[in-house]
N, C-alpha and C. Protein backbone atom coordinates (compact mmCIF):
# COMPACT_ATOMS: atom_id res chain seq x y z
N MET A 1 -5.84 -25.71 0.10
CA MET A 1 -4.41 -25.55 -0.20
C MET A 1 -4.23 -25.07 -1.63
N THR A 2 -3.49 -23.98 -1.83
CA THR A 2 -3.28 -23.44 -3.16
C THR A 2 -2.17 -24.21 -3.86
N THR A 3 -2.34 -24.42 -5.15
CA THR A 3 -1.36 -25.17 -5.92
C THR A 3 -0.82 -24.39 -7.11
N THR A 4 -1.40 -23.25 -7.42
CA THR A 4 -0.97 -22.48 -8.57
C THR A 4 -0.27 -21.20 -8.14
N ASP A 5 0.68 -20.77 -8.97
CA ASP A 5 1.37 -19.52 -8.70
C ASP A 5 0.44 -18.34 -8.93
N MET A 6 0.69 -17.25 -8.24
CA MET A 6 -0.06 -16.00 -8.41
C MET A 6 0.93 -14.88 -8.65
N THR A 7 0.73 -14.13 -9.73
CA THR A 7 1.59 -12.99 -10.04
C THR A 7 0.89 -11.70 -9.65
N ILE A 8 1.51 -10.98 -8.71
CA ILE A 8 0.98 -9.70 -8.22
C ILE A 8 1.75 -8.57 -8.88
N VAL A 9 1.02 -7.60 -9.40
CA VAL A 9 1.62 -6.36 -9.90
C VAL A 9 1.24 -5.26 -8.91
N ALA A 10 2.24 -4.67 -8.28
CA ALA A 10 2.00 -3.71 -7.20
C ALA A 10 2.44 -2.31 -7.59
N ILE A 11 1.55 -1.33 -7.35
CA ILE A 11 1.86 0.08 -7.55
C ILE A 11 1.37 0.85 -6.33
N SER A 12 1.82 2.08 -6.20
CA SER A 12 1.42 2.92 -5.08
C SER A 12 1.78 4.36 -5.40
N ASP A 13 1.17 5.30 -4.71
CA ASP A 13 1.57 6.71 -4.83
C ASP A 13 1.64 7.17 -6.28
N THR A 14 0.55 6.94 -7.00
CA THR A 14 0.47 7.42 -8.38
C THR A 14 0.03 8.88 -8.45
N HIS A 15 -0.63 9.37 -7.43
CA HIS A 15 -0.97 10.79 -7.28
C HIS A 15 -1.61 11.39 -8.53
N GLY A 16 -2.62 10.70 -9.05
CA GLY A 16 -3.37 11.19 -10.20
C GLY A 16 -2.72 10.92 -11.54
N LYS A 17 -1.57 10.26 -11.53
CA LYS A 17 -0.84 10.01 -12.78
C LYS A 17 -0.89 8.54 -13.19
N HIS A 18 -1.94 7.86 -12.77
CA HIS A 18 -2.08 6.43 -13.04
C HIS A 18 -2.09 6.10 -14.52
N SER A 19 -2.66 6.99 -15.34
CA SER A 19 -2.76 6.70 -16.77
C SER A 19 -1.40 6.67 -17.46
N LYS A 20 -0.38 7.18 -16.78
CA LYS A 20 0.97 7.18 -17.36
C LYS A 20 1.77 5.93 -16.97
N VAL A 21 1.17 5.07 -16.16
CA VAL A 21 1.87 3.88 -15.69
C VAL A 21 1.69 2.75 -16.70
N LYS A 22 2.79 2.15 -17.11
CA LYS A 22 2.75 0.99 -18.00
C LYS A 22 2.78 -0.26 -17.15
N LEU A 23 1.68 -1.01 -17.19
CA LEU A 23 1.54 -2.17 -16.32
C LEU A 23 1.94 -3.45 -17.05
N PRO A 24 2.76 -4.27 -16.42
CA PRO A 24 3.03 -5.60 -16.98
C PRO A 24 1.83 -6.51 -16.73
N SER A 25 1.83 -7.68 -17.31
CA SER A 25 0.73 -8.61 -17.10
C SER A 25 0.86 -9.28 -15.74
N GLY A 26 -0.25 -9.78 -15.24
CA GLY A 26 -0.27 -10.46 -13.96
C GLY A 26 -1.66 -10.94 -13.63
N ASP A 27 -1.80 -11.55 -12.48
CA ASP A 27 -3.10 -12.06 -12.04
C ASP A 27 -3.87 -11.05 -11.21
N ILE A 28 -3.13 -10.26 -10.42
CA ILE A 28 -3.79 -9.35 -9.49
C ILE A 28 -3.04 -8.02 -9.46
N LEU A 29 -3.80 -6.95 -9.53
CA LEU A 29 -3.25 -5.59 -9.45
C LEU A 29 -3.52 -5.02 -8.07
N VAL A 30 -2.46 -4.55 -7.42
CA VAL A 30 -2.56 -4.00 -6.06
C VAL A 30 -2.09 -2.55 -6.07
N HIS A 31 -2.88 -1.67 -5.46
CA HIS A 31 -2.48 -0.27 -5.25
C HIS A 31 -2.56 0.02 -3.77
N SER A 32 -1.45 0.49 -3.19
CA SER A 32 -1.42 0.68 -1.73
C SER A 32 -1.59 2.13 -1.29
N GLY A 33 -2.33 2.90 -2.07
CA GLY A 33 -2.77 4.21 -1.60
C GLY A 33 -2.05 5.41 -2.19
N ASP A 34 -2.64 6.59 -1.96
CA ASP A 34 -2.22 7.85 -2.58
C ASP A 34 -2.38 7.79 -4.10
N PHE A 35 -3.59 7.43 -4.50
CA PHE A 35 -3.93 7.46 -5.93
C PHE A 35 -4.38 8.85 -6.36
N THR A 36 -4.65 9.75 -5.41
CA THR A 36 -5.00 11.13 -5.73
C THR A 36 -3.86 12.05 -5.34
N ALA A 37 -3.93 13.28 -5.85
CA ALA A 37 -2.99 14.32 -5.45
C ALA A 37 -3.63 15.27 -4.45
N TYR A 38 -4.92 15.59 -4.68
CA TYR A 38 -5.61 16.59 -3.86
C TYR A 38 -6.76 16.03 -3.04
N GLY A 39 -7.07 14.76 -3.23
CA GLY A 39 -8.05 14.10 -2.37
C GLY A 39 -9.49 14.45 -2.65
N ASN A 40 -9.83 14.77 -3.90
CA ASN A 40 -11.22 15.11 -4.20
C ASN A 40 -11.94 13.96 -4.93
N MET A 41 -13.26 14.09 -5.05
CA MET A 41 -14.07 13.02 -5.64
C MET A 41 -13.79 12.84 -7.13
N HIS A 42 -13.50 13.89 -7.83
CA HIS A 42 -13.18 13.76 -9.26
C HIS A 42 -11.96 12.87 -9.44
N GLU A 43 -10.93 13.09 -8.65
CA GLU A 43 -9.73 12.27 -8.74
C GLU A 43 -10.03 10.82 -8.36
N PHE A 44 -10.83 10.64 -7.32
CA PHE A 44 -11.18 9.30 -6.89
C PHE A 44 -11.88 8.54 -8.01
N ARG A 45 -12.87 9.15 -8.62
CA ARG A 45 -13.63 8.47 -9.68
C ARG A 45 -12.76 8.21 -10.91
N ASP A 46 -11.89 9.14 -11.23
CA ASP A 46 -11.00 8.95 -12.37
C ASP A 46 -10.09 7.74 -12.13
N PHE A 47 -9.57 7.64 -10.91
CA PHE A 47 -8.72 6.49 -10.58
C PHE A 47 -9.51 5.19 -10.64
N ILE A 48 -10.68 5.16 -10.02
CA ILE A 48 -11.47 3.93 -9.98
C ILE A 48 -11.83 3.49 -11.40
N ASP A 49 -12.22 4.41 -12.26
CA ASP A 49 -12.56 4.05 -13.64
C ASP A 49 -11.37 3.40 -14.34
N TRP A 50 -10.19 3.98 -14.13
CA TRP A 50 -8.97 3.43 -14.74
C TRP A 50 -8.63 2.08 -14.13
N PHE A 51 -8.65 2.00 -12.82
CA PHE A 51 -8.26 0.79 -12.09
C PHE A 51 -9.16 -0.39 -12.48
N ALA A 52 -10.45 -0.14 -12.51
CA ALA A 52 -11.41 -1.20 -12.83
C ALA A 52 -11.26 -1.70 -14.26
N ALA A 53 -10.76 -0.85 -15.15
CA ALA A 53 -10.64 -1.21 -16.56
C ALA A 53 -9.37 -1.99 -16.88
N GLN A 54 -8.46 -2.10 -15.93
CA GLN A 54 -7.20 -2.78 -16.21
C GLN A 54 -7.41 -4.29 -16.35
N PRO A 55 -6.67 -4.93 -17.28
CA PRO A 55 -6.92 -6.34 -17.62
C PRO A 55 -6.30 -7.33 -16.64
N PHE A 56 -6.75 -7.28 -15.40
CA PHE A 56 -6.31 -8.21 -14.37
C PHE A 56 -7.53 -8.97 -13.85
N LYS A 57 -7.33 -10.22 -13.48
CA LYS A 57 -8.43 -11.02 -12.97
C LYS A 57 -8.96 -10.46 -11.66
N TYR A 58 -8.01 -9.95 -10.82
CA TYR A 58 -8.38 -9.41 -9.52
C TYR A 58 -7.73 -8.04 -9.34
N LYS A 59 -8.40 -7.18 -8.58
CA LYS A 59 -7.86 -5.86 -8.27
C LYS A 59 -8.14 -5.55 -6.80
N VAL A 60 -7.11 -5.03 -6.12
CA VAL A 60 -7.22 -4.72 -4.69
C VAL A 60 -6.55 -3.38 -4.44
N PHE A 61 -7.19 -2.52 -3.63
CA PHE A 61 -6.53 -1.26 -3.27
C PHE A 61 -6.96 -0.81 -1.89
N THR A 62 -6.13 0.05 -1.32
CA THR A 62 -6.47 0.77 -0.10
C THR A 62 -6.13 2.24 -0.33
N CYS A 63 -6.35 3.07 0.67
CA CYS A 63 -6.13 4.51 0.54
C CYS A 63 -4.80 4.91 1.16
N GLY A 64 -4.48 6.20 1.00
CA GLY A 64 -3.30 6.77 1.63
C GLY A 64 -3.60 8.14 2.20
N ASN A 65 -2.58 8.80 2.71
CA ASN A 65 -2.80 10.07 3.40
C ASN A 65 -3.28 11.19 2.49
N HIS A 66 -3.05 11.09 1.18
CA HIS A 66 -3.54 12.11 0.26
C HIS A 66 -5.02 11.93 -0.09
N ASP A 67 -5.55 10.74 0.15
CA ASP A 67 -6.89 10.40 -0.35
C ASP A 67 -7.99 10.84 0.63
N ALA A 68 -8.05 12.14 0.83
CA ALA A 68 -8.92 12.71 1.87
C ALA A 68 -10.39 12.43 1.64
N ILE A 69 -10.82 12.35 0.39
CA ILE A 69 -12.24 12.13 0.11
C ILE A 69 -12.73 10.82 0.73
N CYS A 70 -11.85 9.84 0.82
CA CYS A 70 -12.24 8.54 1.38
C CYS A 70 -12.40 8.60 2.89
N GLU A 71 -11.71 9.52 3.53
CA GLU A 71 -11.90 9.72 4.96
C GLU A 71 -13.15 10.57 5.22
N ARG A 72 -13.39 11.57 4.39
CA ARG A 72 -14.53 12.46 4.58
C ARG A 72 -15.85 11.82 4.19
N ASN A 73 -15.83 10.98 3.15
CA ASN A 73 -17.08 10.46 2.59
C ASN A 73 -16.89 9.03 2.13
N LEU A 74 -16.55 8.16 3.08
CA LEU A 74 -16.20 6.79 2.74
C LEU A 74 -17.35 6.03 2.10
N GLU A 75 -18.55 6.21 2.58
CA GLU A 75 -19.67 5.44 2.04
C GLU A 75 -19.94 5.78 0.58
N SER A 76 -19.86 7.06 0.22
CA SER A 76 -20.04 7.44 -1.18
C SER A 76 -18.94 6.86 -2.06
N CYS A 77 -17.73 6.83 -1.53
CA CYS A 77 -16.62 6.25 -2.28
C CYS A 77 -16.84 4.75 -2.48
N LYS A 78 -17.22 4.06 -1.42
CA LYS A 78 -17.48 2.63 -1.53
C LYS A 78 -18.57 2.34 -2.55
N ALA A 79 -19.61 3.19 -2.58
CA ALA A 79 -20.72 2.98 -3.50
C ALA A 79 -20.30 3.12 -4.95
N TYR A 80 -19.23 3.85 -5.21
CA TYR A 80 -18.77 4.07 -6.58
C TYR A 80 -17.89 2.92 -7.09
N VAL A 81 -17.32 2.16 -6.18
CA VAL A 81 -16.41 1.08 -6.57
C VAL A 81 -17.21 -0.07 -7.16
N PRO A 82 -16.90 -0.50 -8.39
CA PRO A 82 -17.70 -1.55 -9.03
C PRO A 82 -17.38 -2.94 -8.51
N ALA A 83 -18.25 -3.87 -8.81
CA ALA A 83 -18.01 -5.26 -8.47
C ALA A 83 -16.73 -5.73 -9.16
N GLY A 84 -15.99 -6.56 -8.47
CA GLY A 84 -14.75 -7.05 -9.03
C GLY A 84 -13.52 -6.29 -8.57
N VAL A 85 -13.75 -5.15 -7.89
CA VAL A 85 -12.65 -4.38 -7.32
C VAL A 85 -12.76 -4.44 -5.81
N ASN A 86 -11.70 -4.86 -5.14
CA ASN A 86 -11.71 -5.01 -3.69
C ASN A 86 -11.11 -3.78 -3.03
N PHE A 87 -11.94 -3.03 -2.33
CA PHE A 87 -11.56 -1.80 -1.64
C PHE A 87 -11.39 -2.16 -0.16
N LEU A 88 -10.15 -2.31 0.29
CA LEU A 88 -9.88 -2.81 1.64
C LEU A 88 -9.50 -1.67 2.58
N MET A 89 -10.36 -1.45 3.56
CA MET A 89 -10.13 -0.44 4.59
C MET A 89 -10.17 -1.14 5.95
N ASP A 90 -8.99 -1.58 6.39
CA ASP A 90 -8.88 -2.42 7.58
C ASP A 90 -9.75 -3.66 7.42
N GLN A 91 -9.61 -4.29 6.26
CA GLN A 91 -10.41 -5.46 5.91
C GLN A 91 -9.55 -6.46 5.17
N SER A 92 -10.05 -7.69 5.11
CA SER A 92 -9.37 -8.73 4.36
C SER A 92 -10.29 -9.35 3.32
N VAL A 93 -9.67 -10.00 2.35
CA VAL A 93 -10.40 -10.74 1.32
C VAL A 93 -9.54 -11.94 0.96
N VAL A 94 -10.21 -13.05 0.68
CA VAL A 94 -9.50 -14.25 0.26
C VAL A 94 -9.59 -14.38 -1.24
N ILE A 95 -8.44 -14.47 -1.89
CA ILE A 95 -8.37 -14.57 -3.35
C ILE A 95 -7.54 -15.80 -3.69
N ASP A 96 -8.16 -16.74 -4.36
CA ASP A 96 -7.50 -18.00 -4.75
C ASP A 96 -6.75 -18.62 -3.57
N GLY A 97 -7.38 -18.62 -2.42
CA GLY A 97 -6.83 -19.27 -1.25
C GLY A 97 -5.83 -18.45 -0.46
N ARG A 98 -5.50 -17.23 -0.94
CA ARG A 98 -4.58 -16.36 -0.21
C ARG A 98 -5.35 -15.23 0.46
N VAL A 99 -4.94 -14.90 1.68
CA VAL A 99 -5.60 -13.83 2.42
C VAL A 99 -4.87 -12.52 2.19
N PHE A 100 -5.61 -11.51 1.69
CA PHE A 100 -5.10 -10.16 1.49
C PHE A 100 -5.75 -9.26 2.53
N TYR A 101 -4.94 -8.40 3.15
CA TYR A 101 -5.47 -7.45 4.13
C TYR A 101 -4.95 -6.07 3.79
N GLY A 102 -5.84 -5.06 3.78
CA GLY A 102 -5.44 -3.71 3.42
C GLY A 102 -5.80 -2.69 4.49
N SER A 103 -4.89 -1.71 4.70
CA SER A 103 -5.12 -0.66 5.69
C SER A 103 -4.45 0.64 5.24
N PRO A 104 -5.13 1.79 5.41
CA PRO A 104 -4.62 3.06 4.90
C PRO A 104 -3.78 3.87 5.89
N TRP A 105 -3.60 3.42 7.12
CA TRP A 105 -3.08 4.27 8.19
C TRP A 105 -1.57 4.46 8.14
N THR A 106 -1.14 5.65 8.63
CA THR A 106 0.28 5.95 8.83
C THR A 106 0.43 6.74 10.12
N PRO A 107 1.64 6.75 10.70
CA PRO A 107 1.85 7.60 11.88
C PRO A 107 1.62 9.08 11.56
N THR A 108 1.12 9.81 12.52
CA THR A 108 0.75 11.21 12.34
C THR A 108 1.93 12.08 11.92
N PHE A 109 1.72 12.85 10.85
CA PHE A 109 2.62 13.96 10.52
C PHE A 109 1.80 14.98 9.75
N TYR A 110 1.95 16.25 10.12
CA TYR A 110 1.14 17.33 9.56
C TYR A 110 -0.35 17.01 9.66
N ASP A 111 -1.15 17.50 8.72
CA ASP A 111 -2.61 17.35 8.83
C ASP A 111 -3.15 16.59 7.63
N TRP A 112 -2.72 15.33 7.50
CA TRP A 112 -3.16 14.50 6.39
C TRP A 112 -4.26 13.55 6.84
N SER A 113 -4.64 12.64 5.97
CA SER A 113 -5.74 11.71 6.25
C SER A 113 -5.22 10.36 6.74
N PHE A 114 -6.09 9.64 7.43
CA PHE A 114 -5.83 8.29 7.92
C PHE A 114 -4.52 8.22 8.71
N MET A 115 -4.48 9.00 9.79
CA MET A 115 -3.30 9.04 10.62
C MET A 115 -3.64 8.77 12.08
N ALA A 116 -2.69 8.14 12.77
CA ALA A 116 -2.83 7.88 14.20
C ALA A 116 -1.48 8.11 14.85
N SER A 117 -1.50 8.55 16.10
CA SER A 117 -0.26 8.86 16.81
C SER A 117 0.58 7.60 16.98
N ARG A 118 1.90 7.79 16.93
CA ARG A 118 2.81 6.67 17.15
C ARG A 118 2.62 6.09 18.55
N GLY A 119 2.95 4.83 18.69
CA GLY A 119 2.81 4.17 19.98
C GLY A 119 1.48 3.45 20.11
N GLU A 120 0.83 3.62 21.25
CA GLU A 120 -0.37 2.84 21.57
C GLU A 120 -1.49 3.05 20.56
N ALA A 121 -1.71 4.30 20.11
CA ALA A 121 -2.84 4.58 19.22
C ALA A 121 -2.73 3.82 17.91
N ILE A 122 -1.59 3.91 17.26
CA ILE A 122 -1.47 3.20 15.98
C ILE A 122 -1.27 1.70 16.20
N GLY A 123 -0.75 1.34 17.38
CA GLY A 123 -0.66 -0.08 17.71
C GLY A 123 -2.02 -0.75 17.72
N LYS A 124 -3.04 -0.03 18.17
CA LYS A 124 -4.41 -0.57 18.17
C LYS A 124 -4.92 -0.77 16.75
N VAL A 125 -4.50 0.10 15.83
CA VAL A 125 -4.87 -0.07 14.43
C VAL A 125 -4.28 -1.36 13.88
N TRP A 126 -3.00 -1.59 14.14
CA TRP A 126 -2.33 -2.78 13.60
C TRP A 126 -2.78 -4.05 14.30
N ALA A 127 -3.33 -3.95 15.47
CA ALA A 127 -3.86 -5.13 16.17
C ALA A 127 -5.04 -5.73 15.41
N ARG A 128 -5.66 -4.95 14.52
CA ARG A 128 -6.78 -5.46 13.72
C ARG A 128 -6.31 -6.43 12.63
N ILE A 129 -5.04 -6.39 12.29
CA ILE A 129 -4.54 -7.28 11.24
C ILE A 129 -4.70 -8.72 11.72
N PRO A 130 -5.33 -9.58 10.94
CA PRO A 130 -5.52 -10.96 11.38
C PRO A 130 -4.19 -11.69 11.55
N ASP A 131 -4.24 -12.76 12.33
CA ASP A 131 -3.02 -13.54 12.57
C ASP A 131 -2.57 -14.29 11.32
N GLU A 132 -3.51 -14.59 10.43
CA GLU A 132 -3.18 -15.31 9.21
C GLU A 132 -3.40 -14.40 8.00
N VAL A 133 -2.31 -13.88 7.46
CA VAL A 133 -2.36 -13.02 6.27
C VAL A 133 -1.23 -13.44 5.34
N ASP A 134 -1.55 -13.59 4.08
CA ASP A 134 -0.52 -13.90 3.08
C ASP A 134 0.07 -12.64 2.47
N VAL A 135 -0.80 -11.68 2.12
CA VAL A 135 -0.36 -10.44 1.50
C VAL A 135 -0.91 -9.27 2.31
N LEU A 136 -0.01 -8.56 2.98
CA LEU A 136 -0.39 -7.38 3.77
C LEU A 136 -0.15 -6.14 2.93
N ILE A 137 -1.17 -5.29 2.85
CA ILE A 137 -1.10 -4.05 2.08
C ILE A 137 -1.37 -2.90 3.03
N THR A 138 -0.38 -2.08 3.27
CA THR A 138 -0.56 -0.87 4.07
C THR A 138 -0.05 0.31 3.26
N HIS A 139 -0.55 1.49 3.58
CA HIS A 139 -0.02 2.63 2.82
C HIS A 139 1.42 2.93 3.23
N GLY A 140 1.69 2.92 4.52
CA GLY A 140 3.01 3.27 5.00
C GLY A 140 3.87 2.07 5.30
N PRO A 141 5.19 2.27 5.38
CA PRO A 141 6.11 1.17 5.63
C PRO A 141 6.30 0.87 7.11
N PRO A 142 6.75 -0.34 7.41
CA PRO A 142 7.20 -0.63 8.76
C PRO A 142 8.59 -0.04 8.96
N TYR A 143 8.97 0.14 10.18
CA TYR A 143 10.27 0.74 10.48
C TYR A 143 11.40 -0.11 9.89
N GLY A 144 12.31 0.57 9.19
CA GLY A 144 13.51 -0.09 8.69
C GLY A 144 13.39 -0.72 7.32
N HIS A 145 12.23 -0.62 6.69
CA HIS A 145 12.03 -1.23 5.38
C HIS A 145 11.42 -0.19 4.42
N GLY A 146 12.19 0.24 3.45
CA GLY A 146 11.69 1.20 2.47
C GLY A 146 11.20 2.49 3.07
N ASP A 147 11.85 2.93 4.16
CA ASP A 147 11.34 4.10 4.89
C ASP A 147 12.41 5.16 5.14
N ALA A 148 13.53 5.10 4.43
CA ALA A 148 14.62 6.05 4.66
C ALA A 148 14.43 7.32 3.85
N VAL A 149 14.58 8.46 4.51
CA VAL A 149 14.49 9.77 3.87
C VAL A 149 15.70 10.60 4.30
N PRO A 150 16.06 11.62 3.52
CA PRO A 150 17.17 12.48 3.95
C PRO A 150 16.89 13.09 5.31
N SER A 151 17.90 13.08 6.18
CA SER A 151 17.69 13.61 7.53
C SER A 151 17.49 15.11 7.52
N ARG A 152 18.01 15.78 6.50
CA ARG A 152 17.73 17.21 6.30
C ARG A 152 18.03 17.55 4.85
N LEU A 153 17.50 18.63 4.38
CA LEU A 153 17.62 19.01 2.98
C LEU A 153 19.09 19.11 2.57
N GLY A 154 19.44 18.39 1.51
CA GLY A 154 20.79 18.44 1.00
C GLY A 154 21.77 17.52 1.70
N SER A 155 21.30 16.79 2.71
CA SER A 155 22.19 15.93 3.48
C SER A 155 22.30 14.56 2.81
N SER A 156 23.46 13.92 2.95
CA SER A 156 23.64 12.57 2.43
C SER A 156 23.24 11.52 3.46
N SER A 157 23.02 11.93 4.69
CA SER A 157 22.58 11.00 5.73
C SER A 157 21.06 10.83 5.67
N THR A 158 20.59 9.71 6.21
CA THR A 158 19.16 9.42 6.17
C THR A 158 18.65 9.09 7.56
N CYS A 159 17.32 9.15 7.69
CA CYS A 159 16.67 8.67 8.90
C CYS A 159 15.50 7.79 8.50
N ASN A 160 15.13 6.87 9.37
CA ASN A 160 14.02 5.95 9.11
C ASN A 160 12.75 6.49 9.75
N VAL A 161 11.68 6.54 8.96
CA VAL A 161 10.44 7.16 9.42
C VAL A 161 9.27 6.18 9.45
N GLY A 162 9.55 4.90 9.22
CA GLY A 162 8.49 3.90 9.25
C GLY A 162 7.95 3.67 10.64
N CYS A 163 6.94 2.82 10.72
CA CYS A 163 6.21 2.60 11.97
C CYS A 163 6.73 1.37 12.72
N ILE A 164 7.22 1.59 13.92
CA ILE A 164 7.74 0.50 14.75
C ILE A 164 6.61 -0.46 15.16
N GLU A 165 5.44 0.09 15.48
CA GLU A 165 4.33 -0.76 15.88
C GLU A 165 3.88 -1.66 14.74
N LEU A 166 3.96 -1.16 13.51
CA LEU A 166 3.62 -1.99 12.35
C LEU A 166 4.65 -3.10 12.19
N LEU A 167 5.92 -2.77 12.37
CA LEU A 167 6.97 -3.79 12.29
C LEU A 167 6.73 -4.90 13.31
N LYS A 168 6.33 -4.52 14.52
CA LYS A 168 6.06 -5.51 15.56
C LYS A 168 4.95 -6.47 15.14
N ARG A 169 3.90 -5.90 14.53
CA ARG A 169 2.77 -6.75 14.12
C ARG A 169 3.17 -7.64 12.93
N VAL A 170 3.96 -7.11 12.02
CA VAL A 170 4.44 -7.92 10.91
C VAL A 170 5.28 -9.08 11.43
N TYR A 171 6.08 -8.82 12.45
CA TYR A 171 6.89 -9.88 13.06
C TYR A 171 6.00 -11.00 13.61
N GLN A 172 4.83 -10.61 14.15
CA GLN A 172 3.92 -11.61 14.69
C GLN A 172 3.19 -12.38 13.58
N VAL A 173 2.74 -11.65 12.57
CA VAL A 173 1.90 -12.24 11.53
C VAL A 173 2.74 -12.99 10.48
N LYS A 174 3.89 -12.41 10.11
CA LYS A 174 4.79 -12.98 9.11
C LYS A 174 4.07 -13.25 7.78
N PRO A 175 3.53 -12.21 7.14
CA PRO A 175 2.91 -12.40 5.84
C PRO A 175 3.95 -12.81 4.79
N ARG A 176 3.51 -13.40 3.71
CA ARG A 176 4.43 -13.75 2.64
C ARG A 176 5.02 -12.50 2.01
N VAL A 177 4.15 -11.50 1.83
CA VAL A 177 4.55 -10.23 1.22
C VAL A 177 3.92 -9.08 1.98
N HIS A 178 4.68 -8.02 2.18
CA HIS A 178 4.14 -6.78 2.73
C HIS A 178 4.37 -5.70 1.69
N ILE A 179 3.27 -5.19 1.12
CA ILE A 179 3.31 -4.17 0.07
C ILE A 179 2.89 -2.83 0.67
N PHE A 180 3.63 -1.77 0.34
CA PHE A 180 3.33 -0.44 0.86
C PHE A 180 3.94 0.60 -0.08
N GLY A 181 3.85 1.86 0.31
CA GLY A 181 4.44 2.95 -0.46
C GLY A 181 4.74 4.10 0.48
N HIS A 182 4.11 5.26 0.22
CA HIS A 182 4.16 6.42 1.10
C HIS A 182 5.51 7.15 1.06
N ILE A 183 6.59 6.43 1.29
CA ILE A 183 7.92 7.03 1.25
C ILE A 183 8.49 6.82 -0.15
N HIS A 184 8.38 7.85 -0.98
CA HIS A 184 8.77 7.71 -2.39
C HIS A 184 10.23 7.33 -2.54
N GLU A 185 11.06 7.85 -1.65
CA GLU A 185 12.51 7.59 -1.73
C GLU A 185 12.84 6.13 -1.40
N GLY A 186 11.90 5.42 -0.80
CA GLY A 186 12.17 4.06 -0.34
C GLY A 186 11.81 2.97 -1.33
N TYR A 187 11.47 3.34 -2.55
CA TYR A 187 11.08 2.36 -3.57
C TYR A 187 12.08 1.21 -3.66
N GLY A 188 11.55 -0.02 -3.71
CA GLY A 188 12.40 -1.19 -3.84
C GLY A 188 11.97 -2.30 -2.90
N ARG A 189 12.83 -3.29 -2.75
CA ARG A 189 12.53 -4.45 -1.92
C ARG A 189 13.58 -4.63 -0.84
N THR A 190 13.15 -5.13 0.30
CA THR A 190 14.08 -5.46 1.38
C THR A 190 13.65 -6.77 2.02
N ASP A 191 14.59 -7.37 2.73
CA ASP A 191 14.33 -8.60 3.48
C ASP A 191 14.85 -8.41 4.90
N SER A 192 14.50 -9.34 5.77
CA SER A 192 14.91 -9.27 7.17
C SER A 192 15.44 -10.62 7.63
N ASP A 193 16.52 -10.59 8.38
CA ASP A 193 17.05 -11.83 8.96
C ASP A 193 16.12 -12.39 10.03
N GLU A 194 15.28 -11.53 10.62
CA GLU A 194 14.40 -11.98 11.70
C GLU A 194 13.00 -12.34 11.22
N ILE A 195 12.61 -11.81 10.07
CA ILE A 195 11.30 -12.14 9.50
C ILE A 195 11.57 -12.73 8.12
N THR A 196 12.13 -13.90 8.09
CA THR A 196 12.65 -14.47 6.84
C THR A 196 11.56 -14.88 5.87
N ARG A 197 10.34 -15.05 6.36
CA ARG A 197 9.24 -15.47 5.48
C ARG A 197 8.71 -14.32 4.65
N THR A 198 8.98 -13.08 5.06
CA THR A 198 8.33 -11.91 4.48
C THR A 198 9.27 -11.16 3.53
N THR A 199 8.74 -10.83 2.36
CA THR A 199 9.40 -9.91 1.44
C THR A 199 8.71 -8.55 1.55
N PHE A 200 9.49 -7.50 1.79
CA PHE A 200 8.97 -6.15 1.95
C PHE A 200 9.11 -5.40 0.62
N VAL A 201 8.01 -4.83 0.15
CA VAL A 201 7.99 -4.21 -1.17
C VAL A 201 7.43 -2.79 -1.08
N ASN A 202 8.29 -1.80 -1.29
CA ASN A 202 7.83 -0.42 -1.44
C ASN A 202 7.57 -0.20 -2.92
N ALA A 203 6.30 -0.03 -3.26
CA ALA A 203 5.87 0.04 -4.66
C ALA A 203 5.57 1.46 -5.13
N ALA A 204 6.10 2.47 -4.44
CA ALA A 204 5.82 3.86 -4.81
C ALA A 204 6.15 4.12 -6.27
N THR A 205 5.16 4.54 -7.02
CA THR A 205 5.34 4.80 -8.45
C THR A 205 6.01 6.14 -8.70
N CYS A 206 5.60 7.15 -7.97
CA CYS A 206 6.21 8.47 -8.13
C CYS A 206 7.49 8.56 -7.32
N ASN A 207 8.47 9.25 -7.88
CA ASN A 207 9.71 9.49 -7.15
C ASN A 207 9.55 10.69 -6.23
N SER A 208 10.64 11.14 -5.65
CA SER A 208 10.55 12.24 -4.68
C SER A 208 10.12 13.55 -5.32
N ASN A 209 10.20 13.64 -6.65
CA ASN A 209 9.72 14.83 -7.38
C ASN A 209 8.31 14.65 -7.92
N TYR A 210 7.62 13.61 -7.45
CA TYR A 210 6.26 13.30 -7.87
C TYR A 210 6.15 13.03 -9.37
N LYS A 211 7.18 12.43 -9.92
CA LYS A 211 7.18 11.98 -11.30
C LYS A 211 7.00 10.46 -11.31
N PRO A 212 6.10 9.93 -12.16
CA PRO A 212 5.83 8.48 -12.15
C PRO A 212 6.93 7.70 -12.87
N LYS A 213 8.10 7.64 -12.24
CA LYS A 213 9.28 7.06 -12.88
C LYS A 213 9.56 5.62 -12.45
N ASN A 214 9.01 5.19 -11.32
CA ASN A 214 9.33 3.86 -10.81
C ASN A 214 8.42 2.80 -11.42
N ARG A 215 9.02 1.71 -11.85
CA ARG A 215 8.26 0.63 -12.48
C ARG A 215 7.40 -0.11 -11.46
N PRO A 216 6.27 -0.65 -11.92
CA PRO A 216 5.49 -1.52 -11.02
C PRO A 216 6.33 -2.68 -10.52
N GLN A 217 6.07 -3.06 -9.29
CA GLN A 217 6.77 -4.21 -8.70
C GLN A 217 5.99 -5.49 -9.03
N VAL A 218 6.70 -6.50 -9.44
CA VAL A 218 6.08 -7.79 -9.79
C VAL A 218 6.53 -8.84 -8.78
N ILE A 219 5.56 -9.46 -8.12
CA ILE A 219 5.83 -10.46 -7.09
C ILE A 219 5.11 -11.75 -7.46
N VAL A 220 5.81 -12.85 -7.45
CA VAL A 220 5.21 -14.14 -7.75
C VAL A 220 5.10 -14.95 -6.46
N LEU A 221 3.87 -15.31 -6.10
CA LEU A 221 3.62 -16.16 -4.95
C LEU A 221 3.52 -17.61 -5.42
N HIS A 222 4.31 -18.48 -4.84
CA HIS A 222 4.31 -19.89 -5.21
C HIS A 222 3.38 -20.69 -4.30
């Protein structure tokens, strides 16, 4: 049983601009993917060197649709990650009594990395999430939380592009926190009347113009 608070600093979608991010203090640094812009090994290593050097007791990250090198050459990427950095690819780790689970997948659009078709295919991906998770880290959002984008260019109306199958699994698991990014316009926090235990956090650092303007999200677990 955990008795101490844990402060999580969450970022996402830095797209190669991680060195421009001013990080507040905390216990654990989380990045939920799209740390590269072009998905090459140089960008991956540059990010890992920076991430590993940050003054946090724990560090956890997963990939996103831009991080193609991790899909093409996962073993080489894993070999470059130093001890003390948790690289979660459909995996979990227990940190100070809390279970963290990370996954890079999003519903298919265009020809990006770590994608699965909506419905049954991506539902099988989310079925891997354990029943007991405190902090869920996915690259993409669940439907209805931090996932609104303009329905067409110049329009004031929006549409939701998050994953319904992910929302269903979150409803079953009810993590304390669900951290994600992917939809830059969705930066911020939301709650649900039906999943009252879970705080949803879109931690996208870059805005819709790919400028690193959004502050890191700070979450305190009691």
